[in-house]
């Protein structure tokens, strides 16, 4: 699995609207057959920073993503809303999804 985390610093005047600005790209990416997840979160410390956590099944799926029409459209349409080039961590991990965080195990029934 290819696991990617990217930080996007959005111009302050666009920060509240970022989910709508990135919506078409988000929906199209989530619809890709090799996309495992593509989830945005907003920083608690900096309201202009969004964190994208995404994963793709394998190298083939990752390559299909960056070669897609919606990726090329995002390359053109999203940067004018940003303060700087997004920062990224991109690794291949030997698993197919999320593992449980055993150190914070929740008892059955949530108690």
PDB file of N, CA and C in Angstrom:
ATOM      1  N   UNK A   1       0.854  -1.171   0.000  1.00  0.00           N
ATOM      2  CA  UNK A   1       0.000   0.000   0.000  1.00  0.00           C
ATOM      3  C   UNK A   1       0.898   1.232   0.000  1.00  0.00           C
ATOM      4  N   UNK A   2       0.508   2.222  -0.800  1.00  0.00           N
ATOM      5  CA  UNK A   2       1.196   3.519  -0.775  1.00  0.00           C
ATOM      6  C   UNK A   2       0.428   4.411   0.190  1.00  0.00           C
ATOM      7  N   UNK A   3       1.116   4.906   1.200  1.00  0.00           N
ATOM      8  CA  UNK A   3       0.507   5.751   2.229  1.00  0.00           C
ATOM      9  C   UNK A   3       1.101   7.152   2.103  1.00  0.00           C
ATOM     10  N   UNK A   4       0.239   8.147   1.987  1.00  0.00           N
ATOM     11  CA  UNK A   4       0.670   9.523   1.757  1.00  0.00           C
ATOM     12  C   UNK A   4      -0.010  10.447   2.751  1.00  0.00           C
ATOM     13  N   UNK A   5       0.768  11.339   3.315  1.00  0.00           N
ATOM     14  CA  UNK A   5       0.232  12.425   4.129  1.00  0.00           C
ATOM     15  C   UNK A   5       0.804  13.710   3.563  1.00  0.00           C
ATOM     16  N   UNK A   6      -0.062  14.683   3.313  1.00  0.00           N
ATOM     17  CA  UNK A   6       0.382  15.968   2.760  1.00  0.00           C
ATOM     18  C   UNK A   6      -0.248  17.108   3.556  1.00  0.00           C
ATOM     19  N   UNK A   7       0.528  18.164   3.747  1.00  0.00           N
ATOM     20  CA  UNK A   7       0.037  19.353   4.446  1.00  0.00           C
ATOM     21  C   UNK A   7      -0.122  20.476   3.437  1.00  0.00           C
ATOM     22  N   UNK A   8      -1.310  21.063   3.424  1.00  0.00           N
ATOM     23  CA  UNK A   8      -1.655  22.153   2.514  1.00  0.00           C
ATOM     24  C   UNK A   8      -1.887  23.419   3.328  1.00  0.00           C
ATOM     25  N   UNK A   9      -1.091  24.458   3.104  1.00  0.00           N
ATOM     26  CA  UNK A   9      -1.341  25.754   3.749  1.00  0.00           C
ATOM     27  C   UNK A   9      -2.137  26.603   2.771  1.00  0.00           C
ATOM     28  N   UNK A  10      -3.374  26.860   3.144  1.00  0.00           N
ATOM     29  CA  UNK A  10      -4.331  27.548   2.287  1.00  0.00           C
ATOM     30  C   UNK A  10      -4.331  29.041   2.605  1.00  0.00           C
ATOM     31  N   UNK A  11      -4.481  29.868   1.571  1.00  0.00           N
ATOM     32  CA  UNK A  11      -4.581  31.312   1.789  1.00  0.00           C
ATOM     33  C   UNK A  11      -5.724  31.578   2.773  1.00  0.00           C
ATOM     34  N   UNK A  12      -5.516  32.469   3.736  1.00  0.00           N
ATOM     35  CA  UNK A  12      -6.536  32.713   4.764  1.00  0.00           C
ATOM     36  C   UNK A  12      -7.922  33.014   4.197  1.00  0.00           C
ATOM     37  N   UNK A  13      -7.981  33.749   3.108  1.00  0.00           N
ATOM     38  CA  UNK A  13      -9.282  34.106   2.536  1.00  0.00           C
ATOM     39  C   UNK A  13     -10.003  32.914   1.899  1.00  0.00           C
ATOM     40  N   UNK A  14      -9.287  31.793   1.711  1.00  0.00           N
ATOM     41  CA  UNK A  14      -9.886  30.594   1.123  1.00  0.00           C
ATOM     42  C   UNK A  14     -10.010  29.438   2.122  1.00  0.00           C
ATOM     43  N   UNK A  15      -9.469  29.607   3.331  1.00  0.00           N
ATOM     44  CA  UNK A  15      -9.361  28.494   4.277  1.00  0.00           C
ATOM     45  C   UNK A  15     -10.713  27.885   4.645  1.00  0.00           C
ATOM     46  N   UNK A  16     -11.708  28.688   4.914  1.00  0.00           N
ATOM     47  CA  UNK A  16     -13.004  28.134   5.304  1.00  0.00           C
ATOM     48  C   UNK A  16     -13.699  27.410   4.155  1.00  0.00           C
ATOM     49  N   UNK A  17     -13.364  27.777   2.926  1.00  0.00           N
ATOM     50  CA  UNK A  17     -13.995  27.176   1.751  1.00  0.00           C
ATOM     51  C   UNK A  17     -13.181  26.026   1.149  1.00  0.00           C
ATOM     52  N   UNK A  18     -12.016  25.719   1.732  1.00  0.00           N
ATOM     53  CA  UNK A  18     -11.147  24.701   1.137  1.00  0.00           C
ATOM     54  C   UNK A  18     -11.863  23.368   0.876  1.00  0.00           C
ATOM     55  N   UNK A  19     -12.687  22.861   1.797  1.00  0.00           N
ATOM     56  CA  UNK A  19     -13.368  21.590   1.482  1.00  0.00           C
ATOM     57  C   UNK A  19     -14.203  21.670   0.203  1.00  0.00           C
ATOM     58  N   UNK A  20     -14.837  22.788  -0.052  1.00  0.00           N
ATOM     59  CA  UNK A  20     -15.619  22.948  -1.286  1.00  0.00           C
ATOM     60  C   UNK A  20     -14.694  23.134  -2.492  1.00  0.00           C
ATOM     61  N   UNK A  21     -13.607  23.866  -2.310  1.00  0.00           N
ATOM     62  CA  UNK A  21     -12.653  24.097  -3.402  1.00  0.00           C
ATOM     63  C   UNK A  21     -12.054  22.768  -3.881  1.00  0.00           C
ATOM     64  N   UNK A  22     -11.735  21.891  -2.931  1.00  0.00           N
ATOM     65  CA  UNK A  22     -11.096  20.606  -3.257  1.00  0.00           C
ATOM     66  C   UNK A  22     -12.108  19.479  -3.472  1.00  0.00           C
ATOM     67  N   UNK A  23     -13.388  19.774  -3.399  1.00  0.00           N
ATOM     68  CA  UNK A  23     -14.422  18.731  -3.426  1.00  0.00           C
ATOM     69  C   UNK A  23     -14.412  17.884  -4.695  1.00  0.00           C
ATOM     70  N   UNK A  24     -14.344  18.482  -5.851  1.00  0.00           N
ATOM     71  CA  UNK A  24     -14.372  17.708  -7.099  1.00  0.00           C
ATOM     72  C   UNK A  24     -13.179  16.758  -7.177  1.00  0.00           C
ATOM     73  N   UNK A  25     -11.999  17.268  -6.825  1.00  0.00           N
ATOM     74  CA  UNK A  25     -10.790  16.453  -6.807  1.00  0.00           C
ATOM     75  C   UNK A  25     -10.931  15.311  -5.798  1.00  0.00           C
ATOM     76  N   UNK A  26     -11.464  15.621  -4.634  1.00  0.00           N
ATOM     77  CA  UNK A  26     -11.646  14.624  -3.584  1.00  0.00           C
ATOM     78  C   UNK A  26     -12.598  13.522  -4.040  1.00  0.00           C
ATOM     79  N   UNK A  27     -13.759  13.899  -4.568  1.00  0.00           N
ATOM     80  CA  UNK A  27     -14.737  12.900  -5.002  1.00  0.00           C
ATOM     81  C   UNK A  27     -14.190  12.026  -6.125  1.00  0.00           C
ATOM     82  N   UNK A  28     -13.519  12.654  -7.092  1.00  0.00           N
ATOM     83  CA  UNK A  28     -12.972  11.892  -8.220  1.00  0.00           C
ATOM     84  C   UNK A  28     -11.880  10.926  -7.756  1.00  0.00           C
ATOM     85  N   UNK A  29     -11.046  11.364  -6.835  1.00  0.00           N
ATOM     86  CA  UNK A  29      -9.980  10.491  -6.339  1.00  0.00           C
ATOM     87  C   UNK A  29     -10.565   9.330  -5.553  1.00  0.00           C
ATOM     88  N   UNK A  30     -11.537   9.603  -4.695  1.00  0.00           N
ATOM     89  CA  UNK A  30     -12.161   8.524  -3.914  1.00  0.00           C
ATOM     90  C   UNK A  30     -12.826   7.481  -4.812  1.00  0.00           C
ATOM     91  N   UNK A  31     -13.225   7.876  -6.007  1.00  0.00           N
ATOM     92  CA  UNK A  31     -13.877   6.953  -6.945  1.00  0.00           C
ATOM     93  C   UNK A  31     -12.880   6.099  -7.724  1.00  0.00           C
ATOM     94  N   UNK A  32     -11.602   6.392  -7.630  1.00  0.00           N
ATOM     95  CA  UNK A  32     -10.599   5.590  -8.334  1.00  0.00           C
ATOM     96  C   UNK A  32     -10.595   4.167  -7.767  1.00  0.00           C
ATOM     97  N   UNK A  33     -10.490   3.161  -8.636  1.00  0.00           N
ATOM     98  CA  UNK A  33     -10.537   1.776  -8.147  1.00  0.00           C
ATOM     99  C   UNK A  33      -9.421   1.440  -7.166  1.00  0.00           C
ATOM    100  N   UNK A  34      -8.262   2.065  -7.283  1.00  0.00           N
ATOM    101  CA  UNK A  34      -7.137   1.738  -6.408  1.00  0.00           C
ATOM    102  C   UNK A  34      -7.016   2.615  -5.181  1.00  0.00           C
ATOM    103  N   UNK A  35      -7.935   3.561  -4.997  1.00  0.00           N
ATOM    104  CA  UNK A  35      -7.883   4.448  -3.834  1.00  0.00           C
ATOM    105  C   UNK A  35      -8.486   3.734  -2.626  1.00  0.00           C
ATOM    106  N   UNK A  36      -7.704   3.637  -1.551  1.00  0.00           N
ATOM    107  CA  UNK A  36      -8.198   3.019  -0.325  1.00  0.00           C
ATOM    108  C   UNK A  36      -8.873   4.055   0.573  1.00  0.00           C
ATOM    109  N   UNK A  37      -8.301   5.250   0.650  1.00  0.00           N
ATOM    110  CA  UNK A  37      -8.934   6.371   1.339  1.00  0.00           C
ATOM    111  C   UNK A  37      -8.269   7.668   0.915  1.00  0.00           C
ATOM    112  N   UNK A  38      -8.993   8.768   1.120  1.00  0.00           N
ATOM    113  CA  UNK A  38      -8.548  10.098   0.719  1.00  0.00           C
ATOM    114  C   UNK A  38      -9.303  11.064   1.635  1.00  0.00           C
ATOM    115  N   UNK A  39      -8.701  11.381   2.782  1.00  0.00           N
ATOM    116  CA  UNK A  39      -9.398  12.093   3.855  1.00  0.00           C
ATOM    117  C   UNK A  39      -8.683  13.381   4.261  1.00  0.00           C
ATOM    118  N   UNK A  40      -9.451  14.454   4.331  1.00  0.00           N
ATOM    119  CA  UNK A  40      -8.955  15.760   4.746  1.00  0.00           C
ATOM    120  C   UNK A  40      -9.264  16.011   6.213  1.00  0.00           C
ATOM    121  N   UNK A  41      -8.349  16.684   6.908  1.00  0.00           N
ATOM    122  CA  UNK A  41      -8.566  17.171   8.269  1.00  0.00           C
ATOM    123  C   UNK A  41      -8.002  18.581   8.346  1.00  0.00           C
ATOM    124  N   UNK A  42      -8.585  19.372   9.230  1.00  0.00           N
ATOM    125  CA  UNK A  42      -8.110  20.736   9.429  1.00  0.00           C
ATOM    126  C   UNK A  42      -7.302  20.787  10.718  1.00  0.00           C
ATOM    127  N   UNK A  43      -6.176  21.460  10.681  1.00  0.00           N
ATOM    128  CA  UNK A  43      -5.316  21.568  11.846  1.00  0.00           C
ATOM    129  C   UNK A  43      -6.028  22.281  12.992  1.00  0.00           C
ATOM    130  N   UNK A  44      -5.815  21.800  14.202  1.00  0.00           N
ATOM    131  CA  UNK A  44      -6.351  22.462  15.387  1.00  0.00           C
ATOM    132  C   UNK A  44      -5.515  23.679  15.771  1.00  0.00           C
ATOM    133  N   UNK A  45      -4.247  23.704  15.340  1.00  0.00           N
ATOM    134  CA  UNK A  45      -3.341  24.789  15.688  1.00  0.00           C
ATOM    135  C   UNK A  45      -3.293  25.910  14.664  1.00  0.00           C
ATOM    136  N   UNK A  46      -3.559  25.585  13.403  1.00  0.00           N
ATOM    137  CA  UNK A  46      -3.472  26.571  12.327  1.00  0.00           C
ATOM    138  C   UNK A  46      -4.678  26.393  11.407  1.00  0.00           C
ATOM    139  N   UNK A  47      -5.653  27.293  11.484  1.00  0.00           N
ATOM    140  CA  UNK A  47      -6.876  27.120  10.684  1.00  0.00           C
ATOM    141  C   UNK A  47      -6.665  27.240   9.172  1.00  0.00           C
ATOM    142  N   UNK A  48      -5.455  27.619   8.754  1.00  0.00           N
ATOM    143  CA  UNK A  48      -5.184  27.669   7.311  1.00  0.00           C
ATOM    144  C   UNK A  48      -4.494  26.393   6.815  1.00  0.00           C
ATOM    145  N   UNK A  49      -4.257  25.449   7.713  1.00  0.00           N
ATOM    146  CA  UNK A  49      -3.565  24.225   7.317  1.00  0.00           C
ATOM    147  C   UNK A  49      -4.533  23.038   7.288  1.00  0.00           C
ATOM    148  N   UNK A  50      -4.531  22.342   6.160  1.00  0.00           N
ATOM    149  CA  UNK A  50      -5.298  21.113   6.000  1.00  0.00           C
ATOM    150  C   UNK A  50      -4.319  19.969   5.803  1.00  0.00           C
ATOM    151  N   UNK A  51      -4.645  18.823   6.380  1.00  0.00           N
ATOM    152  CA  UNK A  51      -3.820  17.630   6.251  1.00  0.00           C
ATOM    153  C   UNK A  51      -4.617  16.600   5.456  1.00  0.00           C
ATOM    154  N   UNK A  52      -4.001  16.082   4.428  1.00  0.00           N
ATOM    155  CA  UNK A  52      -4.608  15.061   3.583  1.00  0.00           C
ATOM    156  C   UNK A  52      -3.931  13.731   3.876  1.00  0.00           C
ATOM    157  N   UNK A  53      -4.732  12.735   4.244  1.00  0.00           N
ATOM    158  CA  UNK A  53      -4.224  11.382   4.460  1.00  0.00           C
ATOM    159  C   UNK A  53      -4.851  10.522   3.372  1.00  0.00           C
ATOM    160  N   UNK A  54      -3.992   9.918   2.572  1.00  0.00           N
ATOM    161  CA  UNK A  54      -4.491   9.140   1.435  1.00  0.00           C
ATOM    162  C   UNK A  54      -3.699   7.840   1.317  1.00  0.00           C
ATOM    163  N   UNK A  55      -4.325   6.863   0.702  1.00  0.00           N
ATOM    164  CA  UNK A  55      -3.655   5.586   0.474  1.00  0.00           C
ATOM    165  C   UNK A  55      -4.166   4.981  -0.822  1.00  0.00           C
ATOM    166  N   UNK A  56      -3.243   4.311  -1.499  1.00  0.00           N
ATOM    167  CA  UNK A  56      -3.557   3.622  -2.750  1.00  0.00           C
ATOM    168  C   UNK A  56      -3.079   2.183  -2.652  1.00  0.00           C
ATOM    169  N   UNK A  57      -3.797   1.313  -3.294  1.00  0.00           N
ATOM    170  CA  UNK A  57      -3.575  -0.128  -3.214  1.00  0.00           C
ATOM    171  C   UNK A  57      -2.116  -0.522  -3.488  1.00  0.00           C
ATOM    172  N   UNK A  58      -1.517   0.082  -4.529  1.00  0.00           N
ATOM    173  CA  UNK A  58      -0.163  -0.304  -4.933  1.00  0.00           C
ATOM    174  C   UNK A  58       0.416   0.776  -5.847  1.00  0.00           C
ATOM    175  N   UNK A  59       1.631   0.539  -6.349  1.00  0.00           N
ATOM    176  CA  UNK A  59       2.292   1.508  -7.230  1.00  0.00           C
ATOM    177  C   UNK A  59       1.471   1.802  -8.474  1.00  0.00           C
ATOM    178  N   UNK A  60       0.837   0.773  -9.005  1.00  0.00           N
ATOM    179  CA  UNK A  60       0.007   0.939 -10.200  1.00  0.00           C
ATOM    180  C   UNK A  60      -1.147   1.918  -9.939  1.00  0.00           C
ATOM    181  N   UNK A  61      -1.798   1.763  -8.806  1.00  0.00           N
ATOM    182  CA  UNK A  61      -2.912   2.645  -8.455  1.00  0.00           C
ATOM    183  C   UNK A  61      -2.423   4.065  -8.203  1.00  0.00           C
ATOM    184  N   UNK A  62      -1.261   4.199  -7.574  1.00  0.00           N
ATOM    185  CA  UNK A  62      -0.684   5.527  -7.354  1.00  0.00           C
ATOM    186  C   UNK A  62      -0.339   6.210  -8.669  1.00  0.00           C
ATOM    187  N   UNK A  63       0.214   5.452  -9.602  1.00  0.00           N
ATOM    188  CA  UNK A  63       0.553   6.005 -10.918  1.00  0.00           C
ATOM    189  C   UNK A  63      -0.708   6.416 -11.671  1.00  0.00           C
ATOM    190  N   UNK A  64      -1.748   5.596 -11.605  1.00  0.00           N
ATOM    191  CA  UNK A  64      -3.009   5.944 -12.269  1.00  0.00           C
ATOM    192  C   UNK A  64      -3.573   7.242 -11.688  1.00  0.00           C
ATOM    193  N   UNK A  65      -3.430   7.430 -10.372  1.00  0.00           N
ATOM    194  CA  UNK A  65      -3.924   8.649  -9.727  1.00  0.00           C
ATOM    195  C   UNK A  65      -3.230   9.891 -10.292  1.00  0.00           C
ATOM    196  N   UNK A  66      -1.895   9.878 -10.312  1.00  0.00           N
ATOM    197  CA  UNK A  66      -1.179  11.084 -10.761  1.00  0.00           C
ATOM    198  C   UNK A  66      -1.259  11.287 -12.274  1.00  0.00           C
ATOM    199  N   UNK A  67      -1.728  10.295 -13.008  1.00  0.00           N
ATOM    200  CA  UNK A  67      -1.903  10.439 -14.454  1.00  0.00           C
ATOM    201  C   UNK A  67      -3.347  10.739 -14.848  1.00  0.00           C
ATOM    202  N   UNK A  68      -4.229  10.853 -13.856  1.00  0.00           N
ATOM    203  CA  UNK A  68      -5.654  11.055 -14.148  1.00  0.00           C
ATOM    204  C   UNK A  68      -5.955  12.496 -14.568  1.00  0.00           C
ATOM    205  N   UNK A  69      -7.051  12.652 -15.274  1.00  0.00           N
ATOM    206  CA  UNK A  69      -7.494  13.998 -15.677  1.00  0.00           C
ATOM    207  C   UNK A  69      -7.789  14.868 -14.463  1.00  0.00           C
ATOM    208  N   UNK A  70      -8.431  14.293 -13.442  1.00  0.00           N
ATOM    209  CA  UNK A  70      -8.763  15.114 -12.274  1.00  0.00           C
ATOM    210  C   UNK A  70      -7.520  15.543 -11.500  1.00  0.00           C
ATOM    211  N   UNK A  71      -6.453  14.746 -11.540  1.00  0.00           N
ATOM    212  CA  UNK A  71      -5.203  15.160 -10.899  1.00  0.00           C
ATOM    213  C   UNK A  71      -4.602  16.340 -11.662  1.00  0.00           C
ATOM    214  N   UNK A  72      -4.593  16.270 -12.985  1.00  0.00           N
ATOM    215  CA  UNK A  72      -4.065  17.376 -13.796  1.00  0.00           C
ATOM    216  C   UNK A  72      -4.893  18.648 -13.585  1.00  0.00           C
ATOM    217  N   UNK A  73      -6.204  18.500 -13.464  1.00  0.00           N
ATOM    218  CA  UNK A  73      -7.065  19.650 -13.195  1.00  0.00           C
ATOM    219  C   UNK A  73      -6.733  20.247 -11.834  1.00  0.00           C
ATOM    220  N   UNK A  74      -6.529  19.401 -10.836  1.00  0.00           N
ATOM    221  CA  UNK A  74      -6.173  19.884  -9.497  1.00  0.00           C
ATOM    222  C   UNK A  74      -4.820  20.588  -9.514  1.00  0.00           C
ATOM    223  N   UNK A  75      -3.868  20.082 -10.296  1.00  0.00           N
ATOM    224  CA  UNK A  75      -2.562  20.738 -10.408  1.00  0.00           C
ATOM    225  C   UNK A  75      -2.705  22.172 -10.926  1.00  0.00           C
ATOM    226  N   UNK A  76      -3.691  22.392 -11.754  1.00  0.00           N
ATOM    227  CA  UNK A  76      -3.934  23.719 -12.316  1.00  0.00           C
ATOM    228  C   UNK A  76      -4.777  24.586 -11.378  1.00  0.00           C
ATOM    229  N   UNK A  77      -5.832  23.990 -10.798  1.00  0.00           N
ATOM    230  CA  UNK A  77      -6.831  24.783 -10.077  1.00  0.00           C
ATOM    231  C   UNK A  77      -6.555  25.002  -8.593  1.00  0.00           C
ATOM    232  N   UNK A  78      -5.857  24.104  -7.925  1.00  0.00           N
ATOM    233  CA  UNK A  78      -5.679  24.240  -6.477  1.00  0.00           C
ATOM    234  C   UNK A  78      -4.546  25.177  -6.049  1.00  0.00           C
ATOM    235  N   UNK A  79      -3.376  25.185  -6.701  1.00  0.00           N
ATOM    236  CA  UNK A  79      -2.285  26.039  -6.235  1.00  0.00           C
ATOM    237  C   UNK A  79      -2.604  27.526  -6.060  1.00  0.00           C
ATOM    238  N   UNK A  80      -3.452  28.160  -6.865  1.00  0.00           N
ATOM    239  CA  UNK A  80      -3.745  29.576  -6.621  1.00  0.00           C
ATOM    240  C   UNK A  80      -4.396  29.853  -5.259  1.00  0.00           C
ATOM    241  N   UNK A  81      -4.920  28.805  -4.610  1.00  0.00           N
ATOM    242  CA  UNK A  81      -5.546  28.952  -3.296  1.00  0.00           C
ATOM    243  C   UNK A  81      -4.564  28.697  -2.157  1.00  0.00           C
ATOM    244  N   UNK A  82      -3.323  28.341  -2.488  1.00  0.00           N
ATOM    245  CA  UNK A  82      -2.338  27.944  -1.485  1.00  0.00           C
ATOM    246  C   UNK A  82      -1.311  29.035  -1.221  1.00  0.00           C
ATOM    247  N   UNK A  83      -0.753  29.019  -0.010  1.00  0.00           N
ATOM    248  CA  UNK A  83       0.305  29.944   0.392  1.00  0.00           C
ATOM    249  C   UNK A  83       1.656  29.436  -0.084  1.00  0.00           C
ATOM    250  N   UNK A  84       1.827  28.110  -0.085  1.00  0.00           N
ATOM    251  CA  UNK A  84       3.112  27.499  -0.429  1.00  0.00           C
ATOM    252  C   UNK A  84       2.870  26.118  -1.028  1.00  0.00           C
ATOM    253  N   UNK A  85       3.917  25.552  -1.592  1.00  0.00           N
ATOM    254  CA  UNK A  85       3.855  24.196  -2.122  1.00  0.00           C
ATOM    255  C   UNK A  85       3.568  23.221  -0.983  1.00  0.00           C
ATOM    256  N   UNK A  86       2.592  22.339  -1.144  1.00  0.00           N
ATOM    257  CA  UNK A  86       2.301  21.373  -0.076  1.00  0.00           C
ATOM    258  C   UNK A  86       3.517  20.513   0.261  1.00  0.00           C
ATOM    259  N   UNK A  87       3.604  20.123   1.524  1.00  0.00           N
ATOM    260  CA  UNK A  87       4.655  19.226   2.008  1.00  0.00           C
ATOM    261  C   UNK A  87       4.068  17.821   2.099  1.00  0.00           C
ATOM    262  N   UNK A  88       4.892  16.818   1.821  1.00  0.00           N
ATOM    263  CA  UNK A  88       4.363  15.458   1.686  1.00  0.00           C
ATOM    264  C   UNK A  88       5.302  14.422   2.295  1.00  0.00           C
ATOM    265  N   UNK A  89       4.700  13.366   2.817  1.00  0.00           N
ATOM    266  CA  UNK A  89       5.406  12.149   3.191  1.00  0.00           C
ATOM    267  C   UNK A  89       4.742  11.043   2.380  1.00  0.00           C
ATOM    268  N   UNK A  90       5.544  10.264   1.676  1.00  0.00           N
ATOM    269  CA  UNK A  90       5.036   9.233   0.770  1.00  0.00           C
ATOM    270  C   UNK A  90       5.857   7.976   1.010  1.00  0.00           C
ATOM    271  N   UNK A  91       5.207   6.924   1.525  1.00  0.00           N
ATOM    272  CA  UNK A  91       5.920   5.679   1.803  1.00  0.00           C
ATOM    273  C   UNK A  91       5.091   4.486   1.332  1.00  0.00           C
ATOM    274  N   UNK A  92       5.783   3.407   1.056  1.00  0.00           N
ATOM    275  CA  UNK A  92       5.117   2.148   0.773  1.00  0.00           C
ATOM    276  C   UNK A  92       5.186   1.319   2.046  1.00  0.00           C
ATOM    277  N   UNK A  93       4.041   0.824   2.472  1.00  0.00           N
ATOM    278  CA  UNK A  93       3.989   0.024   3.700  1.00  0.00           C
ATOM    279  C   UNK A  93       3.426  -1.361   3.380  1.00  0.00           C
ATOM    280  N   UNK A  94       3.921  -2.382   4.085  1.00  0.00           N
ATOM    281  CA  UNK A  94       3.504  -3.760   3.788  1.00  0.00           C
ATOM    282  C   UNK A  94       2.201  -4.148   4.490  1.00  0.00           C
ATOM    283  N   UNK A  95       1.141  -3.427   4.205  1.00  0.00           N
ATOM    284  CA  UNK A  95      -0.172  -3.796   4.723  1.00  0.00           C
ATOM    285  C   UNK A  95      -1.229  -3.256   3.782  1.00  0.00           C
ATOM    286  N   UNK A  96      -2.475  -3.605   4.022  1.00  0.00           N
ATOM    287  CA  UNK A  96      -3.541  -3.238   3.098  1.00  0.00           C
ATOM    288  C   UNK A  96      -4.571  -2.297   3.697  1.00  0.00           C
ATOM    289  N   UNK A  97      -4.392  -1.872   4.918  1.00  0.00           N
ATOM    290  CA  UNK A  97      -5.360  -0.990   5.558  1.00  0.00           C
ATOM    291  C   UNK A  97      -4.873  -0.570   6.926  1.00  0.00           C
ATOM    292  N   UNK A  98      -5.802  -0.085   7.722  1.00  0.00           N
ATOM    293  CA  UNK A  98      -5.481   0.383   9.068  1.00  0.00           C
ATOM    294  C   UNK A  98      -5.292  -0.795  10.017  1.00  0.00           C
ATOM    295  N   UNK A  99      -4.347  -0.654  10.938  1.00  0.00           N
ATOM    296  CA  UNK A  99      -4.182  -1.601  12.041  1.00  0.00           C
ATOM    297  C   UNK A  99      -4.766  -0.950  13.291  1.00  0.00           C
ATOM    298  N   UNK A 100      -5.080  -1.743  14.289  1.00  0.00           N
ATOM    299  CA  UNK A 100      -5.573  -1.195  15.546  1.00  0.00           C
ATOM    300  C   UNK A 100      -4.409  -0.673  16.378  1.00  0.00           C
ATOM    301  N   UNK A 101      -4.652   0.412  17.117  1.00  0.00           N
ATOM    302  CA  UNK A 101      -3.673   0.984  18.035  1.00  0.00           C
ATOM    303  C   UNK A 101      -3.870   0.299  19.380  1.00  0.00           C
ATOM    304  N   UNK A 102      -3.185  -0.819  19.561  1.00  0.00           N
ATOM    305  CA  UNK A 102      -3.377  -1.653  20.735  1.00  0.00           C
ATOM    306  C   UNK A 102      -3.130  -0.953  22.052  1.00  0.00           C
ATOM    307  N   UNK A 103      -2.242   0.032  22.046  1.00  0.00           N
ATOM    308  CA  UNK A 103      -1.932   0.752  23.277  1.00  0.00           C
ATOM    309  C   UNK A 103      -3.117   1.584  23.796  1.00  0.00           C
ATOM    310  N   UNK A 104      -4.103   1.792  22.952  1.00  0.00           N
ATOM    311  CA  UNK A 104      -5.289   2.545  23.357  1.00  0.00           C
ATOM    312  C   UNK A 104      -6.544   1.723  23.093  1.00  0.00           C
ATOM    313  N   UNK A 105      -6.435   0.436  23.324  1.00  0.00           N
ATOM    314  CA  UNK A 105      -7.549  -0.464  23.061  1.00  0.00           C
ATOM    315  C   UNK A 105      -8.795  -0.040  23.838  1.00  0.00           C
ATOM    316  N   UNK A 106      -9.916  -0.116  23.186  1.00  0.00           N
ATOM    317  CA  UNK A 106     -11.204   0.189  23.797  1.00  0.00           C
ATOM    318  C   UNK A 106     -11.912  -1.142  24.064  1.00  0.00           C
ATOM    319  N   UNK A 107     -12.342  -1.308  25.290  1.00  0.00           N
ATOM    320  CA  UNK A 107     -13.022  -2.547  25.653  1.00  0.00           C
ATOM    321  C   UNK A 107     -14.319  -2.674  24.860  1.00  0.00           C
ATOM    322  N   UNK A 108     -14.764  -3.904  24.674  1.00  0.00           N
ATOM    323  CA  UNK A 108     -16.013  -4.134  23.954  1.00  0.00           C
ATOM    324  C   UNK A 108     -17.143  -3.335  24.613  1.00  0.00           C
ATOM    325  N   UNK A 109     -17.916  -2.668  23.803  1.00  0.00           N
ATOM    326  CA  UNK A 109     -18.997  -1.824  24.309  1.00  0.00           C
ATOM    327  C   UNK A 109     -18.543  -0.406  24.615  1.00  0.00           C
ATOM    328  N   UNK A 110     -17.244  -0.112  24.373  1.00  0.00           N
ATOM    329  CA  UNK A 110     -16.744   1.252  24.550  1.00  0.00           C
ATOM    330  C   UNK A 110     -16.441   1.639  25.983  1.00  0.00           C
ATOM    331  N   UNK A 111     -16.331   0.688  26.889  1.00  0.00           N
ATOM    332  CA  UNK A 111     -16.061   1.031  28.293  1.00  0.00           C
ATOM    333  C   UNK A 111     -14.717   0.523  28.710  1.00  0.00           C
TER     334      UNK A 111
END
